[in-house]
Amino acid sequence: MVTRRLSERTSRPFSQLLALKFIAEGGVLTQAALAEHLAMDAPAVSRLVERLVSDGLVKRGAGENRRCVRLQATETAQSELAVLNEAVQWVDNEAGRHLTPAEMQELKRLLDKLRNGLAQGQEAVQEVYDEPVEEPR
């Protein structure tokens, strides 16, 4: 539904638009954080970011250290972001036609609860992988 609507206005894949949105909102500043938000592996995100950079939608800047690169959306990205925002607004309007305001509030509450729970689960899994492994004696 959303992708069909988007394809009428842009040839850019939904994953690129979503990445661009995360970068533009400032919540994602590194490729590693972007990979986590998009639930994609690092090589795929690297190719995605490279495409956004080559298209002039994102620029790389100095990060906290030499291995970290800061991502920023450019002014050129604004037209693509507008297309995505219009599609999201359309989905909201369509949902509003089928749900009462109280149901919309409940849906948003449940989605927030689910997102927060999944994020906590992801953090717990990461902690397990980050723990040092003891060598057998």
Protein backbone atom coordinates (compact mmCIF):
# COMPACT_ATOMS: atom_id res chain seq x y z
CA MET A 1 0.00 0.00 0.00
CA VAL A 2 2.65 2.53 1.05
CA THR A 3 5.24 1.27 -1.41
CA ARG A 4 2.77 1.47 -4.28
CA ARG A 5 1.90 5.02 -3.31
CA LEU A 6 5.59 5.90 -3.05
CA SER A 7 6.41 4.34 -6.43
CA GLU A 8 4.04 6.82 -8.04
CA ARG A 9 6.24 9.71 -6.83
CA THR A 10 9.77 8.32 -6.60
CA SER A 11 11.88 5.49 -7.95
CA ARG A 12 13.83 5.29 -4.69
CA PRO A 13 13.32 2.02 -2.74
CA PHE A 14 11.45 2.18 0.55
CA SER A 15 14.55 1.05 2.49
CA GLN A 16 16.48 4.07 1.21
CA LEU A 17 13.65 6.43 2.09
CA LEU A 18 13.39 4.95 5.57
CA ALA A 19 17.15 5.22 6.07
CA LEU A 20 17.03 8.81 4.89
CA LYS A 21 14.26 9.56 7.37
CA PHE A 22 16.23 8.10 10.29
CA ILE A 23 19.33 10.06 9.28
CA ALA A 24 17.43 13.33 8.75
CA GLU A 25 15.72 13.12 12.12
CA GLY A 26 19.13 12.96 13.76
CA GLY A 27 18.34 9.76 15.63
CA VAL A 28 20.82 7.86 13.51
CA LEU A 29 24.27 9.28 13.14
CA THR A 30 26.35 6.23 12.24
CA GLN A 31 26.06 3.33 9.82
CA ALA A 32 26.07 0.91 12.77
CA ALA A 33 23.08 2.67 14.35
CA LEU A 34 21.34 2.77 10.98
CA ALA A 35 21.87 -0.97 10.51
CA GLU A 36 20.28 -1.57 13.91
CA HIS A 37 17.26 0.64 13.14
CA LEU A 38 16.70 -0.98 9.76
CA ALA A 39 17.43 -4.52 11.01
CA MET A 40 19.91 -4.95 8.16
CA ASP A 41 23.44 -6.31 8.13
CA ALA A 42 26.41 -3.96 7.91
CA PRO A 43 27.39 -4.68 4.27
CA ALA A 44 23.83 -4.00 3.04
CA VAL A 45 23.68 -0.73 4.98
CA SER A 46 27.09 0.25 3.66
CA ARG A 47 25.84 -0.18 0.07
CA LEU A 48 22.62 1.68 0.89
CA VAL A 49 24.50 4.62 2.43
CA GLU A 50 26.96 4.68 -0.47
CA ARG A 51 24.01 5.01 -2.86
CA LEU A 52 22.49 7.86 -0.81
CA VAL A 53 25.87 9.62 -0.73
CA SER A 54 26.46 9.19 -4.47
CA ASP A 55 22.95 10.56 -5.14
CA GLY A 56 23.75 13.64 -3.03
CA LEU A 57 21.13 12.90 -0.37
CA VAL A 58 23.51 12.12 2.50
CA LYS A 59 26.97 13.32 3.37
CA ARG A 60 29.54 11.73 5.62
CA GLY A 61 31.30 13.73 8.29
CA ALA A 62 33.89 13.16 10.98
CA GLY A 63 32.62 11.00 13.81
CA GLU A 64 33.75 10.44 17.36
CA ASN A 65 36.78 8.47 16.20
CA ARG A 66 38.48 7.44 12.97
CA ARG A 67 36.36 4.30 12.58
CA CYS A 68 33.08 6.14 13.11
CA VAL A 69 31.50 8.25 10.36
CA ARG A 70 28.71 10.71 11.08
CA LEU A 71 25.82 10.74 8.58
CA GLN A 72 23.83 13.86 7.69
CA ALA A 73 20.98 14.42 5.26
CA THR A 74 21.55 17.16 2.69
CA GLU A 75 19.12 19.81 1.47
CA THR A 76 18.63 17.71 -1.66
CA ALA A 77 17.11 14.99 0.53
CA GLN A 78 14.17 17.19 1.52
CA SER A 79 12.14 16.44 -1.61
CA GLU A 80 12.49 12.68 -1.08
CA LEU A 81 11.57 13.08 2.58
CA ALA A 82 8.48 15.07 1.59
CA VAL A 83 7.34 12.17 -0.59
CA LEU A 84 7.74 9.75 2.32
CA ASN A 85 5.98 12.09 4.75
CA GLU A 86 3.04 12.48 2.36
CA ALA A 87 2.72 8.69 2.09
CA VAL A 88 2.81 8.32 5.88
CA GLN A 89 0.16 11.02 6.23
CA TRP A 90 -1.99 9.19 3.69
CA VAL A 91 -1.72 5.97 5.74
CA ASP A 92 -2.70 7.88 8.88
CA ASN A 93 -5.71 9.36 7.09
CA GLU A 94 -6.76 5.96 5.76
CA ALA A 95 -6.43 4.39 9.21
CA GLY A 96 -8.50 7.25 10.62
CA ARG A 97 -11.30 6.37 8.22
CA HIS A 98 -11.53 2.87 9.70
CA LEU A 99 -10.70 3.48 13.35
CA THR A 100 -12.24 5.79 15.91
CA PRO A 101 -9.98 8.36 17.59
CA ALA A 102 -9.94 6.16 20.72
CA GLU A 103 -8.93 3.14 18.64
CA MET A 104 -6.17 5.15 16.96
CA GLN A 105 -4.83 6.16 20.39
CA GLU A 106 -4.93 2.55 21.55
CA LEU A 107 -3.18 1.38 18.37
CA LYS A 108 -0.41 3.95 18.85
CA ARG A 109 -0.05 2.95 22.50
CA LEU A 110 0.23 -0.73 21.60
CA LEU A 111 2.72 -0.08 18.81
CA ASP A 112 4.87 2.02 21.16
CA LYS A 113 4.72 -0.74 23.76
CA LEU A 114 5.74 -3.34 21.18
CA ARG A 115 8.58 -1.18 19.83
CA ASN A 116 9.93 -0.54 23.33
CA GLY A 117 9.69 -4.22 24.23
CA LEU A 118 11.51 -5.26 21.07
CA ALA A 119 14.20 -2.66 21.70
CA GLN A 120 14.72 -3.98 25.23
CA GLY A 121 14.92 -7.51 23.89
CA GLN A 122 17.54 -6.40 21.35
CA GLU A 123 19.58 -4.76 24.13
CA ALA A 124 19.42 -7.95 26.22
CA VAL A 125 20.63 -10.04 23.29
CA GLN A 126 23.45 -7.58 22.63
CA GLU A 127 24.53 -7.75 26.29
CA VAL A 128 24.85 -11.53 26.02
CA TYR A 129 27.09 -11.19 22.97
CA ASP A 130 29.14 -8.43 24.60
CA GLU A 131 29.99 -10.49 27.72
CA PRO A 132 33.54 -11.81 27.76
CA VAL A 133 33.91 -15.53 27.29
CA GLU A 134 36.07 -17.34 29.83
CA GLU A 135 38.73 -19.64 28.47
CA PRO A 136 38.50 -23.28 29.66
CA ARG A 137 41.21 -24.30 32.13
